[in-house]
N, C-alpha and C. Protein backbone atom coordinates (compact mmCIF):
# COMPACT_ATOMS: atom_id res chain seq x y z
N MET A 1 140.97 106.90 103.25
CA MET A 1 139.53 106.94 103.29
C MET A 1 139.01 107.82 102.16
N SER A 2 138.12 107.27 101.34
CA SER A 2 137.56 108.00 100.22
C SER A 2 136.30 108.73 100.67
N ARG A 3 136.27 110.02 100.49
CA ARG A 3 135.11 110.82 100.88
C ARG A 3 134.27 111.10 99.62
N THR A 4 133.37 110.18 99.33
CA THR A 4 132.56 110.25 98.13
C THR A 4 131.09 110.07 98.48
N ALA A 5 130.24 110.49 97.56
CA ALA A 5 128.80 110.24 97.69
C ALA A 5 128.17 110.27 96.31
N SER A 6 127.11 109.51 96.17
CA SER A 6 126.33 109.46 94.94
C SER A 6 124.86 109.52 95.33
N LEU A 7 124.15 110.52 94.80
CA LEU A 7 122.75 110.72 95.19
C LEU A 7 121.90 111.08 93.98
N SER A 8 120.65 110.68 94.06
CA SER A 8 119.70 111.10 93.03
C SER A 8 118.45 111.66 93.70
N ARG A 9 117.77 112.53 92.97
CA ARG A 9 116.52 113.14 93.43
C ARG A 9 115.60 113.20 92.21
N VAL A 10 114.44 112.58 92.31
CA VAL A 10 113.49 112.58 91.21
C VAL A 10 112.15 113.08 91.72
N THR A 11 111.63 114.10 91.08
CA THR A 11 110.30 114.64 91.40
C THR A 11 109.51 114.74 90.11
N THR A 12 108.29 115.25 90.19
CA THR A 12 107.51 115.46 88.97
C THR A 12 108.06 116.62 88.15
N GLU A 13 108.98 117.39 88.73
CA GLU A 13 109.54 118.56 88.05
C GLU A 13 110.96 118.36 87.55
N THR A 14 111.74 117.53 88.26
CA THR A 14 113.15 117.38 87.93
C THR A 14 113.64 115.96 88.17
N ALA A 15 114.78 115.66 87.55
CA ALA A 15 115.53 114.43 87.83
C ALA A 15 116.99 114.82 87.92
N VAL A 16 117.61 114.56 89.07
CA VAL A 16 118.98 115.01 89.33
C VAL A 16 119.81 113.86 89.84
N GLN A 17 121.01 113.70 89.29
CA GLN A 17 121.99 112.73 89.77
C GLN A 17 123.29 113.48 90.04
N VAL A 18 123.84 113.31 91.24
CA VAL A 18 125.09 113.97 91.62
C VAL A 18 126.05 112.94 92.18
N ASP A 19 127.29 112.98 91.69
CA ASP A 19 128.39 112.19 92.23
C ASP A 19 129.50 113.16 92.61
N VAL A 20 130.02 113.03 93.83
CA VAL A 20 131.05 113.95 94.29
C VAL A 20 132.15 113.19 95.01
N GLU A 21 133.37 113.63 94.81
CA GLU A 21 134.53 113.14 95.56
C GLU A 21 135.27 114.36 96.10
N LEU A 22 135.30 114.48 97.41
CA LEU A 22 135.88 115.67 98.02
C LEU A 22 137.39 115.75 97.83
N ASP A 23 138.05 114.62 97.81
CA ASP A 23 139.51 114.60 97.69
C ASP A 23 139.90 114.33 96.23
N GLY A 24 139.37 115.16 95.35
CA GLY A 24 139.61 114.98 93.94
C GLY A 24 140.61 116.00 93.41
N SER A 25 140.45 116.31 92.12
CA SER A 25 141.36 117.26 91.47
C SER A 25 140.61 118.31 90.67
N GLY A 26 139.31 118.45 90.93
CA GLY A 26 138.52 119.45 90.23
C GLY A 26 137.96 118.99 88.90
N GLU A 27 138.01 117.68 88.65
CA GLU A 27 137.43 117.16 87.40
C GLU A 27 135.91 117.29 87.46
N HIS A 28 135.30 117.52 86.31
CA HIS A 28 133.85 117.73 86.31
C HIS A 28 133.23 117.30 84.99
N ARG A 29 132.03 116.78 85.11
CA ARG A 29 131.16 116.49 83.98
C ARG A 29 129.76 116.96 84.40
N VAL A 30 129.28 117.98 83.72
CA VAL A 30 128.04 118.64 84.14
C VAL A 30 127.10 118.81 82.96
N SER A 31 125.86 118.39 83.14
CA SER A 31 124.84 118.57 82.11
C SER A 31 123.51 118.87 82.81
N THR A 32 123.03 120.10 82.66
CA THR A 32 121.79 120.51 83.31
C THR A 32 120.76 121.08 82.34
N GLY A 33 121.14 121.30 81.10
CA GLY A 33 120.25 121.97 80.17
C GLY A 33 120.34 123.49 80.23
N LEU A 34 121.13 124.01 81.17
CA LEU A 34 121.36 125.45 81.31
C LEU A 34 122.87 125.71 81.17
N PRO A 35 123.34 126.12 80.00
CA PRO A 35 124.79 126.28 79.79
C PRO A 35 125.48 127.18 80.81
N PHE A 36 124.85 128.28 81.20
CA PHE A 36 125.50 129.15 82.19
C PHE A 36 125.62 128.44 83.54
N PHE A 37 124.58 127.73 83.94
CA PHE A 37 124.62 126.98 85.20
C PHE A 37 125.67 125.88 85.13
N ASN A 38 125.79 125.20 83.98
CA ASN A 38 126.86 124.22 83.80
C ASN A 38 128.22 124.86 84.07
N HIS A 39 128.40 126.06 83.53
CA HIS A 39 129.67 126.78 83.71
C HIS A 39 129.92 127.09 85.19
N MET A 40 128.87 127.48 85.92
CA MET A 40 129.03 127.78 87.34
C MET A 40 129.39 126.52 88.14
N LEU A 41 128.75 125.41 87.83
CA LEU A 41 129.05 124.16 88.54
C LEU A 41 130.46 123.67 88.21
N ALA A 42 130.90 123.91 86.98
CA ALA A 42 132.29 123.59 86.62
C ALA A 42 133.27 124.44 87.44
N GLN A 43 132.92 125.72 87.65
CA GLN A 43 133.76 126.58 88.49
C GLN A 43 133.79 126.05 89.93
N LEU A 44 132.64 125.60 90.40
CA LEU A 44 132.55 125.06 91.76
C LEU A 44 133.48 123.86 91.93
N ALA A 45 133.47 122.97 90.96
CA ALA A 45 134.35 121.79 91.03
C ALA A 45 135.82 122.21 90.96
N ARG A 46 136.15 123.01 89.96
CA ARG A 46 137.55 123.37 89.74
C ARG A 46 138.16 124.09 90.93
N HIS A 47 137.43 125.03 91.51
CA HIS A 47 138.02 125.87 92.57
C HIS A 47 137.90 125.26 93.96
N SER A 48 137.07 124.24 94.13
CA SER A 48 137.02 123.51 95.40
C SER A 48 138.00 122.34 95.41
N GLY A 49 138.34 121.85 94.21
CA GLY A 49 139.15 120.64 94.10
C GLY A 49 138.32 119.38 94.20
N PHE A 50 136.99 119.52 94.23
CA PHE A 50 136.11 118.35 94.27
C PHE A 50 135.96 117.80 92.85
N ASP A 51 135.91 116.48 92.71
CA ASP A 51 135.47 115.88 91.46
C ASP A 51 133.95 115.84 91.49
N LEU A 52 133.33 116.25 90.40
CA LEU A 52 131.88 116.44 90.41
C LEU A 52 131.27 115.99 89.09
N GLU A 53 130.23 115.19 89.21
CA GLU A 53 129.42 114.84 88.05
C GLU A 53 127.97 115.17 88.38
N VAL A 54 127.33 115.93 87.50
CA VAL A 54 125.94 116.32 87.67
C VAL A 54 125.20 116.06 86.37
N LYS A 55 124.14 115.28 86.46
CA LYS A 55 123.22 115.08 85.33
C LYS A 55 121.85 115.50 85.82
N ALA A 56 121.26 116.48 85.17
CA ALA A 56 119.98 117.00 85.64
C ALA A 56 119.10 117.40 84.47
N LYS A 57 117.81 117.10 84.61
CA LYS A 57 116.80 117.52 83.65
C LYS A 57 115.64 118.10 84.45
N GLY A 58 115.00 119.12 83.88
CA GLY A 58 113.89 119.73 84.58
C GLY A 58 112.93 120.41 83.63
N ASP A 59 111.89 120.95 84.21
CA ASP A 59 110.84 121.61 83.43
C ASP A 59 111.24 123.05 83.09
N LEU A 60 112.26 123.17 82.25
CA LEU A 60 112.78 124.49 81.90
C LEU A 60 111.77 125.32 81.13
N GLU A 61 110.79 124.65 80.53
CA GLU A 61 109.75 125.40 79.83
C GLU A 61 108.88 126.18 80.82
N VAL A 62 108.86 125.76 82.08
CA VAL A 62 108.14 126.48 83.13
C VAL A 62 109.03 127.59 83.68
N ASP A 63 110.24 127.18 84.12
CA ASP A 63 111.18 128.11 84.75
C ASP A 63 112.41 127.31 85.12
N ALA A 64 113.53 127.97 85.28
CA ALA A 64 114.75 127.28 85.68
C ALA A 64 114.84 127.07 87.19
N HIS A 65 113.94 127.70 87.94
CA HIS A 65 114.02 127.67 89.41
C HIS A 65 113.99 126.25 89.96
N HIS A 66 113.06 125.41 89.50
CA HIS A 66 112.95 124.05 90.03
C HIS A 66 114.25 123.28 89.86
N LEU A 67 114.83 123.37 88.67
CA LEU A 67 116.06 122.63 88.37
C LEU A 67 117.22 123.11 89.22
N VAL A 68 117.42 124.42 89.27
CA VAL A 68 118.55 124.98 90.01
C VAL A 68 118.44 124.65 91.50
N GLU A 69 117.26 124.80 92.05
CA GLU A 69 117.06 124.50 93.47
C GLU A 69 117.28 123.01 93.76
N ASP A 70 116.76 122.14 92.90
CA ASP A 70 116.89 120.71 93.15
C ASP A 70 118.33 120.23 92.97
N VAL A 71 119.06 120.84 92.05
CA VAL A 71 120.50 120.52 91.96
C VAL A 71 121.19 120.96 93.25
N GLY A 72 120.85 122.14 93.77
CA GLY A 72 121.44 122.59 95.03
C GLY A 72 121.13 121.66 96.18
N LEU A 73 119.87 121.22 96.28
CA LEU A 73 119.49 120.30 97.35
C LEU A 73 120.24 118.97 97.25
N THR A 74 120.34 118.44 96.04
CA THR A 74 120.99 117.14 95.85
C THR A 74 122.50 117.25 96.06
N MET A 75 123.09 118.30 95.53
CA MET A 75 124.53 118.47 95.68
C MET A 75 124.91 118.72 97.14
N GLY A 76 124.11 119.52 97.83
CA GLY A 76 124.39 119.76 99.25
C GLY A 76 124.33 118.48 100.06
N LYS A 77 123.31 117.66 99.82
CA LYS A 77 123.18 116.39 100.53
C LYS A 77 124.34 115.46 100.21
N ALA A 78 124.79 115.47 98.96
CA ALA A 78 125.94 114.63 98.59
C ALA A 78 127.20 115.08 99.32
N VAL A 79 127.41 116.38 99.40
CA VAL A 79 128.58 116.90 100.13
C VAL A 79 128.48 116.53 101.61
N ASP A 80 127.28 116.66 102.19
CA ASP A 80 127.08 116.29 103.59
C ASP A 80 127.44 114.82 103.82
N GLU A 81 126.96 113.94 102.95
CA GLU A 81 127.27 112.52 103.10
C GLU A 81 128.75 112.25 102.92
N ALA A 82 129.38 112.92 101.97
CA ALA A 82 130.81 112.71 101.74
C ALA A 82 131.64 113.20 102.92
N LEU A 83 131.19 114.24 103.60
CA LEU A 83 131.91 114.76 104.77
C LEU A 83 131.83 113.80 105.96
N GLY A 84 130.83 112.94 105.99
CA GLY A 84 130.69 112.00 107.09
C GLY A 84 130.49 112.72 108.41
N ASP A 85 131.24 112.30 109.44
CA ASP A 85 131.11 112.96 110.75
C ASP A 85 131.97 114.21 110.86
N ARG A 86 132.62 114.59 109.76
CA ARG A 86 133.44 115.81 109.67
C ARG A 86 134.67 115.75 110.55
N HIS A 87 135.10 114.56 110.86
CA HIS A 87 136.32 114.35 111.65
C HIS A 87 137.52 114.92 110.91
N SER A 88 138.32 115.70 111.61
CA SER A 88 139.61 116.21 111.12
C SER A 88 139.52 117.33 110.10
N VAL A 89 138.32 117.81 109.75
CA VAL A 89 138.24 118.88 108.76
C VAL A 89 138.69 120.21 109.37
N SER A 90 139.08 121.14 108.51
CA SER A 90 139.47 122.47 108.98
C SER A 90 138.28 123.22 109.57
N ARG A 91 137.12 122.99 109.03
CA ARG A 91 135.82 123.50 109.47
C ARG A 91 135.52 124.91 108.99
N PHE A 92 136.36 125.90 109.25
CA PHE A 92 136.09 127.29 108.89
C PHE A 92 136.94 127.72 107.69
N ALA A 93 136.40 128.62 106.90
CA ALA A 93 137.18 129.24 105.83
C ALA A 93 136.50 130.52 105.39
N SER A 94 137.31 131.46 104.90
CA SER A 94 136.76 132.69 104.33
C SER A 94 137.69 133.15 103.22
N VAL A 95 137.11 133.90 102.29
CA VAL A 95 137.88 134.34 101.13
C VAL A 95 137.17 135.53 100.49
N ALA A 96 137.93 136.37 99.83
CA ALA A 96 137.38 137.43 98.99
C ALA A 96 137.87 137.16 97.57
N VAL A 97 136.95 137.11 96.63
CA VAL A 97 137.29 136.78 95.25
C VAL A 97 136.86 137.92 94.33
N PRO A 98 137.83 138.49 93.58
CA PRO A 98 137.48 139.51 92.59
C PRO A 98 137.24 138.87 91.23
N LEU A 99 136.38 139.48 90.44
CA LEU A 99 136.26 139.16 89.03
C LEU A 99 136.03 140.48 88.31
N ASP A 100 137.10 140.96 87.70
CA ASP A 100 137.09 142.28 87.06
C ASP A 100 136.62 143.33 88.06
N GLU A 101 135.49 144.02 87.78
CA GLU A 101 135.06 145.12 88.65
C GLU A 101 134.31 144.66 89.89
N SER A 102 134.06 143.35 90.00
CA SER A 102 133.22 142.81 91.07
C SER A 102 134.07 142.16 92.17
N LEU A 103 133.52 142.17 93.37
CA LEU A 103 134.16 141.49 94.50
C LEU A 103 133.09 140.81 95.34
N VAL A 104 133.34 139.53 95.66
CA VAL A 104 132.43 138.76 96.51
C VAL A 104 133.22 138.19 97.68
N GLU A 105 132.68 138.35 98.88
CA GLU A 105 133.30 137.83 100.09
C GLU A 105 132.45 136.69 100.65
N VAL A 106 133.12 135.61 101.05
CA VAL A 106 132.44 134.43 101.57
C VAL A 106 133.10 133.98 102.86
N ALA A 107 132.28 133.60 103.84
CA ALA A 107 132.76 132.94 105.05
C ALA A 107 131.84 131.75 105.29
N LEU A 108 132.43 130.61 105.64
CA LEU A 108 131.58 129.46 105.91
C LEU A 108 132.11 128.62 107.05
N ASP A 109 131.20 127.83 107.59
CA ASP A 109 131.47 126.95 108.73
C ASP A 109 130.76 125.63 108.47
N LEU A 110 131.50 124.55 108.49
CA LEU A 110 130.91 123.21 108.34
C LEU A 110 130.31 122.80 109.68
N SER A 111 129.38 123.61 110.16
CA SER A 111 128.90 123.57 111.53
C SER A 111 127.89 122.48 111.82
N GLY A 112 127.25 121.94 110.77
CA GLY A 112 126.12 121.07 110.99
C GLY A 112 124.83 121.85 111.17
N ARG A 113 124.92 123.19 111.13
CA ARG A 113 123.75 124.05 111.30
C ARG A 113 123.50 124.80 109.99
N PRO A 114 122.41 124.47 109.29
CA PRO A 114 122.16 125.11 108.00
C PRO A 114 121.75 126.57 108.14
N MET A 115 122.43 127.42 107.38
CA MET A 115 122.09 128.85 107.39
C MET A 115 122.73 129.50 106.18
N LEU A 116 121.96 130.29 105.46
CA LEU A 116 122.51 131.14 104.42
C LEU A 116 122.23 132.58 104.78
N VAL A 117 123.26 133.40 104.75
CA VAL A 117 123.11 134.85 104.85
C VAL A 117 123.65 135.42 103.54
N TRP A 118 122.78 136.04 102.78
CA TRP A 118 123.13 136.60 101.47
C TRP A 118 122.92 138.10 101.53
N ARG A 119 123.98 138.85 101.27
CA ARG A 119 123.90 140.31 101.32
C ARG A 119 124.35 140.89 99.99
N GLY A 120 123.62 141.86 99.52
CA GLY A 120 123.98 142.53 98.28
C GLY A 120 122.94 142.29 97.21
N GLU A 121 122.93 143.16 96.23
CA GLU A 121 121.96 143.10 95.15
C GLU A 121 122.66 142.81 93.83
N LEU A 122 121.99 142.00 93.02
CA LEU A 122 122.46 141.73 91.67
C LEU A 122 121.79 142.69 90.69
N PRO A 123 122.52 143.18 89.71
CA PRO A 123 121.89 144.03 88.69
C PRO A 123 120.80 143.25 87.96
N THR A 124 119.69 143.90 87.68
CA THR A 124 118.58 143.22 87.00
C THR A 124 118.53 143.53 85.51
N ALA A 125 119.23 144.57 85.07
CA ALA A 125 119.24 144.92 83.65
C ALA A 125 119.96 143.83 82.86
N GLY A 126 119.47 143.56 81.68
CA GLY A 126 120.14 142.59 80.82
C GLY A 126 119.49 141.23 80.79
N GLY A 127 118.57 140.96 81.71
CA GLY A 127 117.85 139.69 81.69
C GLY A 127 118.70 138.51 82.12
N GLY A 128 118.32 137.33 81.62
CA GLY A 128 118.98 136.10 82.00
C GLY A 128 120.32 135.92 81.31
N LEU A 129 121.09 134.96 81.82
CA LEU A 129 122.43 134.67 81.32
C LEU A 129 122.40 133.36 80.55
N GLY A 130 122.79 133.40 79.30
CA GLY A 130 122.82 132.19 78.49
C GLY A 130 121.47 131.87 77.88
N ILE A 131 121.45 130.77 77.09
CA ILE A 131 120.23 130.29 76.43
C ILE A 131 120.14 128.78 76.60
N PRO A 132 119.07 128.26 77.23
CA PRO A 132 117.99 129.00 77.90
C PRO A 132 118.55 129.87 79.03
N PRO A 133 117.83 130.92 79.40
CA PRO A 133 118.38 131.89 80.34
C PRO A 133 118.44 131.40 81.79
N PHE A 134 119.53 131.76 82.44
CA PHE A 134 119.71 131.56 83.88
C PHE A 134 119.50 132.92 84.54
N ASP A 135 118.44 133.05 85.32
CA ASP A 135 118.17 134.29 86.04
C ASP A 135 119.24 134.44 87.13
N PRO A 136 120.01 135.54 87.14
CA PRO A 136 121.04 135.71 88.17
C PRO A 136 120.53 135.56 89.60
N GLN A 137 119.24 135.89 89.83
CA GLN A 137 118.67 135.76 91.17
C GLN A 137 118.67 134.31 91.65
N LEU A 138 118.78 133.35 90.73
CA LEU A 138 118.77 131.94 91.11
C LEU A 138 120.05 131.52 91.84
N ALA A 139 121.09 132.32 91.75
CA ALA A 139 122.32 132.00 92.48
C ALA A 139 122.04 131.91 93.98
N GLU A 140 121.30 132.88 94.50
CA GLU A 140 120.95 132.85 95.92
C GLU A 140 120.12 131.63 96.26
N GLU A 141 119.17 131.27 95.38
CA GLU A 141 118.34 130.09 95.64
C GLU A 141 119.17 128.81 95.63
N PHE A 142 120.14 128.73 94.74
CA PHE A 142 121.02 127.57 94.71
C PHE A 142 121.77 127.44 96.03
N TRP A 143 122.37 128.53 96.48
CA TRP A 143 123.18 128.45 97.70
C TRP A 143 122.32 128.22 98.94
N ARG A 144 121.08 128.72 98.92
CA ARG A 144 120.17 128.44 100.05
C ARG A 144 119.86 126.95 100.11
N ALA A 145 119.54 126.34 98.97
CA ALA A 145 119.25 124.91 98.93
C ALA A 145 120.49 124.10 99.32
N PHE A 146 121.63 124.48 98.76
CA PHE A 146 122.88 123.76 99.04
C PHE A 146 123.24 123.81 100.52
N SER A 147 123.21 125.01 101.11
CA SER A 147 123.62 125.14 102.51
C SER A 147 122.66 124.40 103.45
N THR A 148 121.39 124.32 103.06
CA THR A 148 120.41 123.61 103.89
C THR A 148 120.74 122.13 103.99
N THR A 149 120.93 121.47 102.86
CA THR A 149 121.16 120.02 102.90
C THR A 149 122.62 119.66 103.18
N ALA A 150 123.55 120.58 102.90
CA ALA A 150 124.95 120.33 103.27
C ALA A 150 125.18 120.56 104.76
N ARG A 151 124.22 121.21 105.41
CA ARG A 151 124.29 121.52 106.84
C ARG A 151 125.51 122.39 107.14
N ILE A 152 125.60 123.50 106.40
CA ILE A 152 126.69 124.44 106.62
C ILE A 152 126.11 125.82 106.88
N THR A 153 126.88 126.65 107.56
CA THR A 153 126.58 128.06 107.71
C THR A 153 127.38 128.80 106.64
N LEU A 154 126.68 129.52 105.78
CA LEU A 154 127.31 130.16 104.63
C LEU A 154 126.91 131.62 104.56
N HIS A 155 127.90 132.50 104.57
CA HIS A 155 127.68 133.93 104.41
C HIS A 155 128.28 134.37 103.08
N VAL A 156 127.48 135.01 102.25
CA VAL A 156 127.93 135.51 100.96
C VAL A 156 127.61 136.99 100.90
N ARG A 157 128.63 137.80 100.64
CA ARG A 157 128.41 139.24 100.52
C ARG A 157 128.88 139.71 99.15
N LEU A 158 127.95 140.22 98.37
CA LEU A 158 128.29 140.82 97.09
C LEU A 158 128.78 142.24 97.41
N ALA A 159 130.09 142.37 97.58
CA ALA A 159 130.64 143.63 98.08
C ALA A 159 130.39 144.77 97.11
N TYR A 160 130.70 144.55 95.84
CA TYR A 160 130.40 145.55 94.82
C TYR A 160 130.59 144.92 93.45
N GLY A 161 130.06 145.61 92.44
CA GLY A 161 130.15 145.14 91.07
C GLY A 161 128.98 145.63 90.26
N ARG A 162 129.16 145.69 88.94
CA ARG A 162 128.11 146.18 88.05
C ARG A 162 127.57 145.10 87.13
N ASN A 163 128.33 144.03 86.95
CA ASN A 163 127.98 143.02 85.97
C ASN A 163 127.45 141.77 86.67
N ALA A 164 126.21 141.37 86.36
CA ALA A 164 125.60 140.22 87.04
C ALA A 164 126.39 138.94 86.81
N HIS A 165 126.87 138.74 85.58
CA HIS A 165 127.67 137.55 85.29
C HIS A 165 128.89 137.49 86.20
N HIS A 166 129.59 138.60 86.32
CA HIS A 166 130.80 138.63 87.15
C HIS A 166 130.49 138.35 88.62
N LEU A 167 129.41 138.94 89.13
CA LEU A 167 129.06 138.73 90.53
C LEU A 167 128.65 137.29 90.81
N VAL A 168 127.83 136.71 89.94
CA VAL A 168 127.42 135.32 90.15
C VAL A 168 128.63 134.39 90.06
N GLU A 169 129.46 134.60 89.04
CA GLU A 169 130.63 133.72 88.89
C GLU A 169 131.59 133.87 90.07
N ALA A 170 131.79 135.10 90.53
CA ALA A 170 132.66 135.30 91.69
C ALA A 170 132.09 134.62 92.93
N SER A 171 130.75 134.58 93.05
CA SER A 171 130.15 133.91 94.21
C SER A 171 130.41 132.41 94.16
N PHE A 172 130.31 131.81 92.99
CA PHE A 172 130.58 130.37 92.88
C PHE A 172 132.05 130.07 93.14
N LYS A 173 132.94 130.89 92.60
CA LYS A 173 134.37 130.67 92.83
C LYS A 173 134.73 130.86 94.29
N ALA A 174 134.13 131.87 94.93
CA ALA A 174 134.45 132.14 96.34
C ALA A 174 133.95 131.04 97.25
N VAL A 175 132.69 130.61 97.06
CA VAL A 175 132.18 129.51 97.89
C VAL A 175 133.00 128.26 97.64
N ALA A 176 133.34 127.99 96.39
CA ALA A 176 134.13 126.80 96.06
C ALA A 176 135.46 126.81 96.79
N HIS A 177 136.14 127.94 96.74
CA HIS A 177 137.45 128.03 97.39
C HIS A 177 137.32 127.82 98.90
N ALA A 178 136.34 128.48 99.51
CA ALA A 178 136.14 128.34 100.95
C ALA A 178 135.73 126.92 101.32
N LEU A 179 134.85 126.33 100.52
CA LEU A 179 134.39 124.97 100.79
C LEU A 179 135.53 123.97 100.69
N GLY A 180 136.37 124.13 99.68
CA GLY A 180 137.53 123.26 99.55
C GLY A 180 138.47 123.38 100.74
N SER A 181 138.71 124.62 101.18
CA SER A 181 139.61 124.84 102.32
C SER A 181 139.03 124.29 103.62
N ALA A 182 137.74 124.56 103.86
CA ALA A 182 137.11 124.13 105.11
C ALA A 182 137.01 122.62 105.22
N SER A 183 136.87 121.94 104.09
CA SER A 183 136.68 120.49 104.11
C SER A 183 137.99 119.71 104.10
N ARG A 184 139.12 120.40 103.97
CA ARG A 184 140.40 119.69 103.98
C ARG A 184 140.64 119.08 105.35
N MET A 185 141.21 117.89 105.34
CA MET A 185 141.48 117.19 106.59
C MET A 185 142.84 117.63 107.12
N THR A 186 142.80 118.45 108.16
CA THR A 186 144.04 119.03 108.70
C THR A 186 144.24 118.73 110.19
N GLY A 187 143.22 118.19 110.85
CA GLY A 187 143.33 117.96 112.30
C GLY A 187 143.37 116.49 112.62
N SER A 188 143.08 116.18 113.86
CA SER A 188 143.08 114.77 114.30
C SER A 188 141.83 114.45 115.10
N SER A 189 140.87 115.36 115.10
CA SER A 189 139.63 115.14 115.87
C SER A 189 138.50 115.94 115.23
N ILE A 190 137.31 115.82 115.78
CA ILE A 190 136.20 116.64 115.32
C ILE A 190 136.39 118.05 115.87
N PRO A 191 136.42 119.08 115.01
CA PRO A 191 136.74 120.43 115.46
C PRO A 191 135.58 121.13 116.16
N SER A 192 135.22 120.61 117.32
CA SER A 192 134.15 121.20 118.12
C SER A 192 134.30 120.74 119.56
N THR A 193 134.06 121.63 120.51
CA THR A 193 134.10 121.24 121.92
C THR A 193 132.93 120.31 122.27
N LYS A 194 131.90 120.27 121.40
CA LYS A 194 130.77 119.38 121.64
C LYS A 194 131.11 117.93 121.28
N GLY A 195 132.17 117.75 120.49
CA GLY A 195 132.54 116.40 120.05
C GLY A 195 131.79 115.93 118.83
N MET A 196 130.98 116.81 118.23
CA MET A 196 130.27 116.46 117.00
C MET A 196 129.89 117.72 116.25
N LEU A 197 129.71 117.58 114.94
CA LEU A 197 129.24 118.68 114.11
C LEU A 197 127.96 118.22 113.41
């Protein structure tokens, strides 16, 4: 059974196309107009083992927020569709990921109940990352949008760190690793006493 999805979202602010295959090998083709964000989405694909293609354009002359949020919404919905009824998935996963001086801890549940809990502060000195700039604060907005449409419970804790790039990248790698583990098919039924997720 192939767990794939292809979705698009078009608004007056953005146009987003996402293709995902959960049982992939981490292959990725990403184009968003934000090089740092492209790099983060590539990390998401590589460390989850998902094959991912993202093509997105947005009103970057206004702000990167619309684009980043809409990519999160579209990608989350694609993952939700690819998971189907979540039969046989591991469901839960947690991980701590270091990147140099930074450490990010993630726990998630493919619960069917959308929730993001984000703890910790990102350094604000230094401005945006890359050109055009990616505001580090947008990482939280991306994961909020993603967890909402993916229908997952996601806890992200920025345990410590001084470098915003390191903390954001560690968050993407940590969520990716946990998401890949939780979505692996390891059982023979829906992992819930309710009989559905």
